[in-house]
Amino acid sequence: MNNEGKTHKNLVKKITSYILRGMIALTLLMLVGSAVLNGFAYKSSYNIKTLQIAKSSATLSDSEYLEELYAAVTSEEFISLERSDDRDEDEAIVKGFLEDRGLLDGFEAEVELLNDLREDMGAEYLYVQVIREDHSCVTLIDPFETYETIGMVDDLSDSVFANLVKNEEVVPVVSKSEFGWLSTGGEPVCDASGEPIAVAFCDLDVTDM
């Protein structure tokens, strides 16, 4: 074979090699792009479901009762009770406090409601908190902890919800916790006049995402 034939053959090989490399690169790019788009789609679907469950919880919660409960657990009497050593050892003290004010039956009804919703809708956790202007929140209903966390005040300043200062919709945030990867979002619980008085939160397990 003369030099011209060899040159032509080498050129064909190079072009073929470039084409193959380009096809491989394009295929990889398409795979990565598809994975990214699927990831966004999964995340979006989870976040939508998180808010749907939270909305159901907010709609079904008794706002009038929650207002009464908030007033009770932020009273000086309850705050003193929470500071006592007995509070950690005997839930009967908290139950007695609620019962004396006619709030125990309502509390147990709210806990049952959230537990039923959690099981029916596949949520990991459902709970109700009041968001305050000082970047803190007060837990009202937490079926997971029940009487242990009622009235508990948590500082949100160093959390992913540090920007929350009032009872409003909480756009879902996906984060890793001690319980796994969770999509956490919330919907406001409104009183009869439409004024938000608390937030119903939903934690959805997104580990498989």
C-alpha atoms as a PDB file:
ATOM      1  CA  MET A   1       0.000   0.000   0.000  1.00  0.00           C
ATOM      2  CA  ASN A   2       1.401   3.428  -0.945  1.00  0.00           C
ATOM      3  CA  ASN A   3       1.743   6.337   1.476  1.00  0.00           C
ATOM      4  CA  GLU A   4      -1.379   8.038   0.155  1.00  0.00           C
ATOM      5  CA  GLY A   5      -3.455   4.918   0.878  1.00  0.00           C
ATOM      6  CA  LYS A   6      -2.019   4.605   4.376  1.00  0.00           C
ATOM      7  CA  THR A   7      -2.725   8.275   5.105  1.00  0.00           C
ATOM      8  CA  HIS A   8      -6.313   7.876   3.938  1.00  0.00           C
ATOM      9  CA  LYS A   9      -6.787   4.761   6.074  1.00  0.00           C
ATOM     10  CA  ASN A  10      -5.360   6.455   9.154  1.00  0.00           C
ATOM     11  CA  LEU A  11      -7.628   9.449   8.587  1.00  0.00           C
ATOM     12  CA  VAL A  12     -10.679   7.168   8.403  1.00  0.00           C
ATOM     13  CA  LYS A  13      -9.613   5.481  11.659  1.00  0.00           C
ATOM     14  CA  LYS A  14      -9.188   8.842  13.409  1.00  0.00           C
ATOM     15  CA  ILE A  15     -12.567  10.091  12.203  1.00  0.00           C
ATOM     16  CA  THR A  16     -14.221   6.825  13.270  1.00  0.00           C
ATOM     17  CA  SER A  17     -12.514   7.072  16.664  1.00  0.00           C
ATOM     18  CA  TYR A  18     -13.707  10.666  17.143  1.00  0.00           C
ATOM     19  CA  ILE A  19     -17.240   9.706  16.176  1.00  0.00           C
ATOM     20  CA  LEU A  20     -17.259   6.788  18.629  1.00  0.00           C
ATOM     21  CA  ARG A  21     -15.874   8.962  21.417  1.00  0.00           C
ATOM     22  CA  GLY A  22     -18.466  11.612  20.653  1.00  0.00           C
ATOM     23  CA  MET A  23     -21.267   9.045  20.741  1.00  0.00           C
ATOM     24  CA  ILE A  24     -20.007   7.665  24.062  1.00  0.00           C
ATOM     25  CA  ALA A  25     -19.726  11.167  25.532  1.00  0.00           C
ATOM     26  CA  LEU A  26     -23.221  12.059  24.293  1.00  0.00           C
ATOM     27  CA  THR A  27     -24.643   8.832  25.740  1.00  0.00           C
ATOM     28  CA  LEU A  28     -23.022   9.520  29.115  1.00  0.00           C
ATOM     29  CA  LEU A  29     -24.295  13.103  29.052  1.00  0.00           C
ATOM     30  CA  MET A  30     -27.802  11.898  28.318  1.00  0.00           C
ATOM     31  CA  LEU A  31     -27.615   9.362  31.151  1.00  0.00           C
ATOM     32  CA  VAL A  32     -26.390  11.969  33.621  1.00  0.00           C
ATOM     33  CA  GLY A  33     -29.017  14.447  32.441  1.00  0.00           C
ATOM     34  CA  SER A  34     -31.722  11.825  32.783  1.00  0.00           C
ATOM     35  CA  ALA A  35     -30.569  10.968  36.300  1.00  0.00           C
ATOM     36  CA  VAL A  36     -30.574  14.640  37.308  1.00  0.00           C
ATOM     37  CA  LEU A  37     -34.027  15.222  35.833  1.00  0.00           C
ATOM     38  CA  ASN A  38     -35.358  12.093  37.517  1.00  0.00           C
ATOM     39  CA  GLY A  39     -33.860  13.289  40.795  1.00  0.00           C
ATOM     40  CA  PHE A  40     -35.621  16.630  40.483  1.00  0.00           C
ATOM     41  CA  ALA A  41     -38.855  14.880  39.528  1.00  0.00           C
ATOM     42  CA  TYR A  42     -38.663  12.545  42.512  1.00  0.00           C
ATOM     43  CA  LYS A  43     -37.833  15.404  44.865  1.00  0.00           C
ATOM     44  CA  SER A  44     -40.673  17.510  43.495  1.00  0.00           C
ATOM     45  CA  SER A  45     -43.179  14.663  43.857  1.00  0.00           C
ATOM     46  CA  TYR A  46     -42.072  14.011  47.442  1.00  0.00           C
ATOM     47  CA  ASN A  47     -42.311  17.689  48.345  1.00  0.00           C
ATOM     48  CA  ILE A  48     -45.791  17.936  46.853  1.00  0.00           C
ATOM     49  CA  LYS A  49     -46.881  14.898  48.833  1.00  0.00           C
ATOM     50  CA  THR A  50     -45.351  16.376  51.994  1.00  0.00           C
ATOM     51  CA  LEU A  51     -47.448  19.528  51.636  1.00  0.00           C
ATOM     52  CA  GLN A  52     -50.580  17.563  50.713  1.00  0.00           C
ATOM     53  CA  ILE A  53     -50.343  15.534  53.918  1.00  0.00           C
ATOM     54  CA  ALA A  54     -49.559  18.648  55.959  1.00  0.00           C
ATOM     55  CA  LYS A  55     -52.574  20.391  54.399  1.00  0.00           C
ATOM     56  CA  SER A  56     -54.851  17.519  55.381  1.00  0.00           C
ATOM     57  CA  SER A  57     -53.510  17.670  58.907  1.00  0.00           C
ATOM     58  CA  ALA A  58     -53.971  21.453  59.096  1.00  0.00           C
ATOM     59  CA  THR A  59     -57.510  21.308  57.713  1.00  0.00           C
ATOM     60  CA  LEU A  60     -58.659  18.593  60.112  1.00  0.00           C
ATOM     61  CA  SER A  61     -57.022  20.046  63.236  1.00  0.00           C
ATOM     62  CA  ASP A  62     -59.275  21.882  65.693  1.00  0.00           C
ATOM     63  CA  SER A  63     -57.921  25.442  65.576  1.00  0.00           C
ATOM     64  CA  GLU A  64     -60.074  26.640  68.474  1.00  0.00           C
ATOM     65  CA  TYR A  65     -58.742  23.876  70.689  1.00  0.00           C
ATOM     66  CA  LEU A  66     -55.148  24.538  69.600  1.00  0.00           C
ATOM     67  CA  GLU A  67     -55.497  28.184  70.611  1.00  0.00           C
ATOM     68  CA  GLU A  68     -56.697  27.144  74.056  1.00  0.00           C
ATOM     69  CA  LEU A  69     -53.881  24.620  74.360  1.00  0.00           C
ATOM     70  CA  TYR A  70     -51.262  27.185  73.360  1.00  0.00           C
ATOM     71  CA  ALA A  71     -52.534  29.635  75.975  1.00  0.00           C
ATOM     72  CA  ALA A  72     -52.357  26.888  78.608  1.00  0.00           C
ATOM     73  CA  VAL A  73     -48.849  25.597  77.822  1.00  0.00           C
ATOM     74  CA  THR A  74     -47.380  29.106  77.650  1.00  0.00           C
ATOM     75  CA  SER A  75     -48.860  30.096  81.009  1.00  0.00           C
ATOM     76  CA  GLU A  76     -46.581  30.718  83.989  1.00  0.00           C
ATOM     77  CA  GLU A  77     -48.069  27.719  85.778  1.00  0.00           C
ATOM     78  CA  PHE A  78     -47.190  25.305  82.984  1.00  0.00           C
ATOM     79  CA  ILE A  79     -43.743  26.828  82.481  1.00  0.00           C
ATOM     80  CA  SER A  80     -43.024  26.256  86.177  1.00  0.00           C
ATOM     81  CA  LEU A  81     -44.316  22.709  85.823  1.00  0.00           C
ATOM     82  CA  GLU A  82     -42.039  22.056  82.858  1.00  0.00           C
ATOM     83  CA  ARG A  83     -39.014  23.189  84.830  1.00  0.00           C
ATOM     84  CA  SER A  84     -39.695  20.756  87.637  1.00  0.00           C
ATOM     85  CA  ASP A  85     -37.803  17.472  87.850  1.00  0.00           C
ATOM     86  CA  ASP A  86     -41.047  15.524  88.167  1.00  0.00           C
ATOM     87  CA  ARG A  87     -42.085  16.522  84.661  1.00  0.00           C
ATOM     88  CA  ASP A  88     -39.538  14.182  83.119  1.00  0.00           C
ATOM     89  CA  GLU A  89     -40.533  11.254  85.289  1.00  0.00           C
ATOM     90  CA  ASP A  90     -44.331  11.270  85.377  1.00  0.00           C
ATOM     91  CA  GLU A  91     -46.629  12.116  82.458  1.00  0.00           C
ATOM     92  CA  ALA A  92     -49.529  11.999  84.910  1.00  0.00           C
ATOM     93  CA  ILE A  93     -48.511  15.486  86.050  1.00  0.00           C
ATOM     94  CA  VAL A  94     -49.009  16.885  82.552  1.00  0.00           C
ATOM     95  CA  LYS A  95     -52.197  14.896  82.039  1.00  0.00           C
ATOM     96  CA  GLY A  96     -53.495  16.246  85.337  1.00  0.00           C
ATOM     97  CA  PHE A  97     -52.688  19.791  84.246  1.00  0.00           C
ATOM     98  CA  LEU A  98     -54.644  19.319  81.010  1.00  0.00           C
ATOM     99  CA  GLU A  99     -57.521  17.533  82.709  1.00  0.00           C
ATOM    100  CA  ASP A 100     -57.944  20.298  85.285  1.00  0.00           C
ATOM    101  CA  ARG A 101     -58.474  22.742  82.417  1.00  0.00           C
ATOM    102  CA  GLY A 102     -60.737  20.517  80.381  1.00  0.00           C
ATOM    103  CA  LEU A 103     -58.076  20.054  77.693  1.00  0.00           C
ATOM    104  CA  LEU A 104     -57.146  16.391  78.073  1.00  0.00           C
ATOM    105  CA  ASP A 105     -59.882  14.877  75.871  1.00  0.00           C
ATOM    106  CA  GLY A 106     -59.158  17.366  73.108  1.00  0.00           C
ATOM    107  CA  PHE A 107     -55.442  16.622  73.300  1.00  0.00           C
ATOM    108  CA  GLU A 108     -55.972  12.890  72.999  1.00  0.00           C
ATOM    109  CA  ALA A 109     -58.366  13.447  70.090  1.00  0.00           C
ATOM    110  CA  GLU A 110     -55.749  15.515  68.239  1.00  0.00           C
ATOM    111  CA  VAL A 111     -53.082  12.871  68.865  1.00  0.00           C
ATOM    112  CA  GLU A 112     -55.396  10.164  67.526  1.00  0.00           C
ATOM    113  CA  LEU A 113     -56.192  12.282  64.468  1.00  0.00           C
ATOM    114  CA  LEU A 114     -52.530  12.750  63.570  1.00  0.00           C
ATOM    115  CA  ASN A 115     -51.732   9.096  64.170  1.00  0.00           C
ATOM    116  CA  ASP A 116     -54.570   8.010  61.879  1.00  0.00           C
ATOM    117  CA  LEU A 117     -53.465  10.455  59.166  1.00  0.00           C
ATOM    118  CA  ARG A 118     -49.854   9.325  59.463  1.00  0.00           C
ATOM    119  CA  GLU A 119     -50.801   5.689  58.982  1.00  0.00           C
ATOM    120  CA  ASP A 120     -53.321   6.337  56.200  1.00  0.00           C
ATOM    121  CA  MET A 121     -51.132   8.719  54.175  1.00  0.00           C
ATOM    122  CA  GLY A 122     -47.723   7.128  54.701  1.00  0.00           C
ATOM    123  CA  ALA A 123     -46.060   9.956  56.608  1.00  0.00           C
ATOM    124  CA  GLU A 124     -43.154   9.377  58.962  1.00  0.00           C
ATOM    125  CA  TYR A 125     -44.140  12.036  61.515  1.00  0.00           C
ATOM    126  CA  LEU A 126     -46.943  14.575  61.924  1.00  0.00           C
ATOM    127  CA  TYR A 127     -46.918  17.288  64.565  1.00  0.00           C
ATOM    128  CA  VAL A 128     -48.258  20.791  65.262  1.00  0.00           C
ATOM    129  CA  GLN A 129     -46.164  23.734  66.402  1.00  0.00           C
ATOM    130  CA  VAL A 130     -46.586  27.470  66.868  1.00  0.00           C
ATOM    131  CA  ILE A 131     -43.885  29.545  65.154  1.00  0.00           C
ATOM    132  CA  ARG A 132     -42.920  32.734  66.994  1.00  0.00           C
ATOM    133  CA  GLU A 133     -41.222  35.939  65.890  1.00  0.00           C
ATOM    134  CA  ASP A 134     -38.121  35.281  67.971  1.00  0.00           C
ATOM    135  CA  HIS A 135     -37.170  32.290  65.746  1.00  0.00           C
ATOM    136  CA  SER A 136     -38.548  29.794  68.228  1.00  0.00           C
ATOM    137  CA  CYS A 137     -41.357  27.257  68.057  1.00  0.00           C
ATOM    138  CA  VAL A 138     -43.672  25.782  70.674  1.00  0.00           C
ATOM    139  CA  THR A 139     -44.769  22.167  70.268  1.00  0.00           C
ATOM    140  CA  LEU A 140     -48.483  21.592  70.822  1.00  0.00           C
ATOM    141  CA  ILE A 141     -49.164  18.110  69.429  1.00  0.00           C
ATOM    142  CA  ASP A 142     -46.501  15.473  68.863  1.00  0.00           C
ATOM    143  CA  PRO A 143     -47.912  11.922  68.757  1.00  0.00           C
ATOM    144  CA  PHE A 144     -44.399  10.448  68.731  1.00  0.00           C
ATOM    145  CA  GLU A 145     -43.471  11.999  72.083  1.00  0.00           C
ATOM    146  CA  THR A 146     -47.067  12.659  73.280  1.00  0.00           C
ATOM    147  CA  TYR A 147     -46.777  14.252  76.741  1.00  0.00           C
ATOM    148  CA  GLU A 148     -43.001  14.640  76.785  1.00  0.00           C
ATOM    149  CA  THR A 149     -42.758  17.528  74.322  1.00  0.00           C
ATOM    150  CA  ILE A 150     -46.036  19.388  74.797  1.00  0.00           C
ATOM    151  CA  GLY A 151     -45.214  23.050  75.426  1.00  0.00           C
ATOM    152  CA  MET A 152     -41.528  22.513  74.634  1.00  0.00           C
ATOM    153  CA  VAL A 153     -39.808  25.572  73.168  1.00  0.00           C
ATOM    154  CA  ASP A 154     -37.111  25.036  70.533  1.00  0.00           C
ATOM    155  CA  ASP A 155     -34.776  27.615  69.022  1.00  0.00           C
ATOM    156  CA  LEU A 156     -34.849  27.570  65.208  1.00  0.00           C
ATOM    157  CA  SER A 157     -31.933  29.968  64.740  1.00  0.00           C
ATOM    158  CA  ASP A 158     -29.377  27.270  63.867  1.00  0.00           C
ATOM    159  CA  SER A 159     -31.767  25.000  61.974  1.00  0.00           C
ATOM    160  CA  VAL A 160     -32.794  24.796  58.318  1.00  0.00           C
ATOM    161  CA  PHE A 161     -35.924  26.722  59.346  1.00  0.00           C
ATOM    162  CA  ALA A 162     -34.074  29.684  60.831  1.00  0.00           C
ATOM    163  CA  ASN A 163     -35.989  32.086  58.591  1.00  0.00           C
ATOM    164  CA  LEU A 164     -39.371  31.156  60.071  1.00  0.00           C
ATOM    165  CA  VAL A 165     -40.895  33.902  62.209  1.00  0.00           C
ATOM    166  CA  LYS A 166     -44.630  33.292  61.839  1.00  0.00           C
ATOM    167  CA  ASN A 167     -47.244  30.657  61.130  1.00  0.00           C
ATOM    168  CA  GLU A 168     -47.120  30.270  57.368  1.00  0.00           C
ATOM    169  CA  GLU A 169     -46.591  27.607  54.729  1.00  0.00           C
ATOM    170  CA  VAL A 170     -43.211  25.969  55.164  1.00  0.00           C
ATOM    171  CA  VAL A 171     -41.678  25.003  51.833  1.00  0.00           C
ATOM    172  CA  PRO A 172     -40.405  21.413  52.119  1.00  0.00           C
ATOM    173  CA  VAL A 173     -36.723  20.936  52.879  1.00  0.00           C
ATOM    174  CA  VAL A 174     -34.971  17.603  52.383  1.00  0.00           C
ATOM    175  CA  SER A 175     -32.374  16.930  55.071  1.00  0.00           C
ATOM    176  CA  LYS A 176     -30.703  14.070  56.866  1.00  0.00           C
ATOM    177  CA  SER A 177     -31.671  13.483  60.479  1.00  0.00           C
ATOM    178  CA  GLU A 178     -31.075  10.768  63.036  1.00  0.00           C
ATOM    179  CA  PHE A 179     -34.187   9.114  61.582  1.00  0.00           C
ATOM    180  CA  GLY A 180     -32.893   9.134  57.973  1.00  0.00           C
ATOM    181  CA  TRP A 181     -33.561  11.402  54.992  1.00  0.00           C
ATOM    182  CA  LEU A 182     -36.768  13.384  55.466  1.00  0.00           C
ATOM    183  CA  SER A 183     -38.765  15.883  53.440  1.00  0.00           C
ATOM    184  CA  THR A 184     -40.148  18.338  56.002  1.00  0.00           C
ATOM    185  CA  GLY A 185     -42.821  20.899  55.206  1.00  0.00           C
ATOM    186  CA  GLY A 186     -45.823  22.511  56.826  1.00  0.00           C
ATOM    187  CA  GLU A 187     -49.169  24.163  56.242  1.00  0.00           C
ATOM    188  CA  PRO A 188     -50.768  26.791  58.494  1.00  0.00           C
ATOM    189  CA  VAL A 189     -53.691  25.916  60.751  1.00  0.00           C
ATOM    190  CA  CYS A 190     -56.157  28.806  60.481  1.00  0.00           C
ATOM    191  CA  ASP A 191     -58.885  29.951  62.838  1.00  0.00           C
ATOM    192  CA  ALA A 192     -62.467  30.726  61.805  1.00  0.00           C
ATOM    193  CA  SER A 193     -61.428  34.136  60.454  1.00  0.00           C
ATOM    194  CA  GLY A 194     -58.624  32.645  58.352  1.00  0.00           C
ATOM    195  CA  GLU A 195     -55.828  33.823  60.637  1.00  0.00           C
ATOM    196  CA  PRO A 196     -52.919  31.337  60.932  1.00  0.00           C
ATOM    197  CA  ILE A 197     -52.473  30.250  64.544  1.00  0.00           C
ATOM    198  CA  ALA A 198     -50.114  27.265  64.173  1.00  0.00           C
ATOM    199  CA  VAL A 199     -48.365  25.075  61.592  1.00  0.00           C
ATOM    200  CA  ALA A 200     -49.093  21.418  60.887  1.00  0.00           C
ATOM    201  CA  PHE A 201     -45.789  19.791  59.938  1.00  0.00           C
ATOM    202  CA  CYS A 202     -45.190  16.608  57.986  1.00  0.00           C
ATOM    203  CA  ASP A 203     -41.974  14.581  57.822  1.00  0.00           C
ATOM    204  CA  LEU A 204     -41.918  12.226  54.840  1.00  0.00           C
ATOM    205  CA  ASP A 205     -39.280   9.509  54.537  1.00  0.00           C
ATOM    206  CA  VAL A 206     -37.377  10.068  51.268  1.00  0.00           C
ATOM    207  CA  THR A 207     -34.484   7.699  51.888  1.00  0.00           C
ATOM    208  CA  ASP A 208     -35.270   5.744  48.704  1.00  0.00           C
ATOM    209  CA  MET A 209     -34.907   8.947  46.663  1.00  0.00           C
END
